Amino acid sequence: MEELKKRLREKEGLRLKPYQDDTGNLTIGYGHNLSANGISWAVAARLLEEDVYHASDHYFSLPKEIQEQLNHARRRVIVELIFWLGFKGLLHFEMMLAAIKDGDFEKAADELMDSKIGKMYTTRTKELADALRAG
C-alpha cells in the first residue's frame, strides 16, 4: 500500500486548491475527484477544525483595543464572522468594529444587522447580533 501511495503522489502531483482535471472533474490533493466522490465526513470535520483554528488565529490580528472589549461569547461572534466572511471581510465592518472598540455593543449589533450580510441572512445575523448585545 505504501508503494502505491508513493507512486500516486509522484504521478498525480499535489494540488492544494481545486482544479479541473483532463476530463473536467473538479479535483484536489493527489487526484481526489471531488465531482464524483466529494469528501468524507472525517475530512469535512477536519476541514472545519482547521478553518476554526485559522479564524481564531486571525482574531488575534485585531487591534488590542477591540480584543480587550470582548468576553468569551462576543469573541465567538467575531471568530464566526471571520470564519464566515474571512478576515478581510470582517474588516469591512468598520462601524461595527469601532462600536466594539468603544464598548457600545448595542450599536455594534445594529451595525451588523444594518449591513448587506445582515439584510441577506437575517436569521443567522440576528443570532450573532443578539449574542453581541447579551455578551
Protein backbone atom coordinates (compact mmCIF):
# COMPACT_ATOMS: atom_id res chain seq x y z
CA MET A 1 0.00 0.00 0.00
CA GLU A 2 2.82 2.44 0.84
CA GLU A 3 4.42 1.81 -2.54
CA LEU A 4 1.13 2.56 -4.27
CA LYS A 5 0.70 5.81 -2.32
CA LYS A 6 4.26 6.82 -3.20
CA ARG A 7 3.60 6.16 -6.90
CA LEU A 8 0.31 8.07 -6.81
CA ARG A 9 1.96 11.04 -5.11
CA GLU A 10 4.62 11.05 -7.84
CA LYS A 11 2.24 10.60 -10.76
CA GLU A 12 -0.72 12.68 -9.62
CA GLY A 13 1.18 15.54 -8.01
CA LEU A 14 -0.19 17.58 -5.13
CA ARG A 15 -2.56 20.47 -5.71
CA LEU A 16 -3.87 22.21 -2.62
CA LYS A 17 -6.51 24.18 -4.49
CA PRO A 18 -9.32 22.66 -6.57
CA TYR A 19 -8.70 22.35 -10.29
CA GLN A 20 -10.38 20.71 -13.27
CA ASP A 21 -8.64 17.55 -14.41
CA ASP A 22 -8.30 16.50 -18.04
CA THR A 23 -11.82 15.08 -18.04
CA GLY A 24 -13.41 18.18 -16.49
CA ASN A 25 -13.82 16.81 -12.96
CA LEU A 26 -13.22 19.09 -10.01
CA THR A 27 -10.16 17.60 -8.32
CA ILE A 28 -7.91 18.39 -5.34
CA GLY A 29 -4.99 16.93 -3.43
CA TYR A 30 -3.38 13.93 -5.09
CA GLY A 31 -6.02 13.50 -7.77
CA HIS A 32 -9.04 13.27 -5.46
CA ASN A 33 -12.11 13.56 -7.70
CA LEU A 34 -14.45 15.91 -5.86
CA SER A 35 -17.04 15.78 -8.63
CA ALA A 36 -17.55 12.03 -8.28
CA ASN A 37 -16.52 11.39 -4.68
CA GLY A 38 -16.98 14.57 -2.69
CA ILE A 39 -15.31 14.32 0.71
CA SER A 40 -15.91 12.12 3.70
CA TRP A 41 -17.45 13.19 6.99
CA ALA A 42 -13.99 12.82 8.59
CA VAL A 43 -12.39 15.13 6.03
CA ALA A 44 -15.21 17.68 6.44
CA ALA A 45 -14.77 17.58 10.23
CA ARG A 46 -11.01 18.04 9.85
CA LEU A 47 -11.51 20.98 7.49
CA LEU A 48 -13.88 22.57 10.00
CA GLU A 49 -11.28 22.15 12.76
CA GLU A 50 -8.59 23.75 10.60
CA ASP A 51 -10.86 26.58 9.46
CA VAL A 52 -11.95 27.40 13.02
CA TYR A 53 -8.30 27.35 14.10
CA HIS A 54 -7.37 29.78 11.30
CA ALA A 55 -10.32 32.05 12.06
CA SER A 56 -9.33 32.07 15.75
CA ASP A 57 -5.75 32.83 14.79
CA HIS A 58 -6.88 35.80 12.66
CA TYR A 59 -8.87 37.11 15.63
CA PHE A 60 -5.55 37.92 17.30
CA SER A 61 -4.70 40.21 14.37
CA LEU A 62 -7.42 42.59 15.50
CA PRO A 63 -6.29 45.66 17.43
CA LYS A 64 -5.86 45.02 21.15
CA GLU A 65 -8.41 47.77 21.88
CA ILE A 66 -11.06 45.63 20.21
CA GLN A 67 -9.93 42.32 21.72
CA GLU A 68 -9.95 43.78 25.22
CA GLN A 69 -13.64 44.68 24.92
CA LEU A 70 -14.74 41.14 24.06
CA ASN A 71 -15.75 38.48 26.55
CA HIS A 72 -15.84 34.82 25.52
CA ALA A 73 -19.33 34.95 23.97
CA ARG A 74 -18.60 38.06 21.93
CA ARG A 75 -15.25 36.69 20.84
CA ARG A 76 -17.10 33.65 19.43
CA VAL A 77 -19.26 36.04 17.38
CA ILE A 78 -16.18 37.71 15.90
CA VAL A 79 -14.48 34.38 15.17
CA GLU A 80 -17.65 33.13 13.49
CA LEU A 81 -17.74 36.26 11.34
CA ILE A 82 -14.09 35.71 10.39
CA PHE A 83 -14.89 32.08 9.53
CA TRP A 84 -17.93 33.11 7.51
CA LEU A 85 -16.64 36.25 5.75
CA GLY A 86 -12.87 35.93 6.01
CA PHE A 87 -10.66 38.30 7.99
CA LYS A 88 -10.67 40.88 5.19
CA GLY A 89 -14.45 40.61 5.06
CA LEU A 90 -14.69 41.34 8.78
CA LEU A 91 -12.53 44.43 8.36
CA HIS A 92 -15.22 45.93 6.09
CA PHE A 93 -17.42 46.23 9.20
CA GLU A 94 -15.60 49.39 10.24
CA MET A 95 -18.55 50.91 12.12
CA MET A 96 -19.26 47.69 14.00
CA LEU A 97 -15.60 47.33 14.98
CA ALA A 98 -15.45 50.98 16.06
CA ALA A 99 -18.52 50.45 18.25
CA ILE A 100 -16.91 47.35 19.80
CA LYS A 101 -13.75 49.35 20.46
CA ASP A 102 -15.93 51.90 22.29
CA GLY A 103 -17.71 49.15 24.23
CA ASP A 104 -21.04 50.03 22.59
CA PHE A 105 -22.43 46.58 21.83
CA GLU A 106 -25.93 47.83 21.06
CA LYS A 107 -24.51 49.94 18.24
CA ALA A 108 -22.19 47.11 17.14
CA ALA A 109 -25.17 44.76 16.87
CA ASP A 110 -27.20 47.38 14.99
CA GLU A 111 -24.32 47.89 12.55
CA LEU A 112 -24.14 44.15 11.93
CA MET A 113 -27.89 43.95 11.29
CA ASP A 114 -27.79 47.01 9.02
CA SER A 115 -25.08 45.51 6.80
CA LYS A 116 -25.55 43.82 3.43
CA ILE A 117 -24.97 40.45 5.14
CA GLY A 118 -27.45 41.38 7.85
CA LYS A 119 -30.13 42.04 5.26
CA MET A 120 -29.37 38.89 3.25
CA TYR A 121 -29.03 36.41 6.12
CA THR A 122 -31.38 37.82 8.73
CA THR A 123 -31.73 34.74 10.95
CA ARG A 124 -28.03 33.99 11.32
CA THR A 125 -27.06 37.64 11.63
CA LYS A 126 -29.77 38.29 14.24
CA GLU A 127 -28.41 35.42 16.34
CA LEU A 128 -24.92 36.94 16.15
CA ALA A 129 -26.22 40.45 16.87
CA ASP A 130 -28.17 39.16 19.88
CA ALA A 131 -25.01 37.48 21.16
CA LEU A 132 -23.10 40.74 20.75
CA ARG A 133 -25.76 42.54 22.78
CA ALA A 134 -26.04 39.92 25.52
CA GLY A 135 -22.37 39.08 25.82
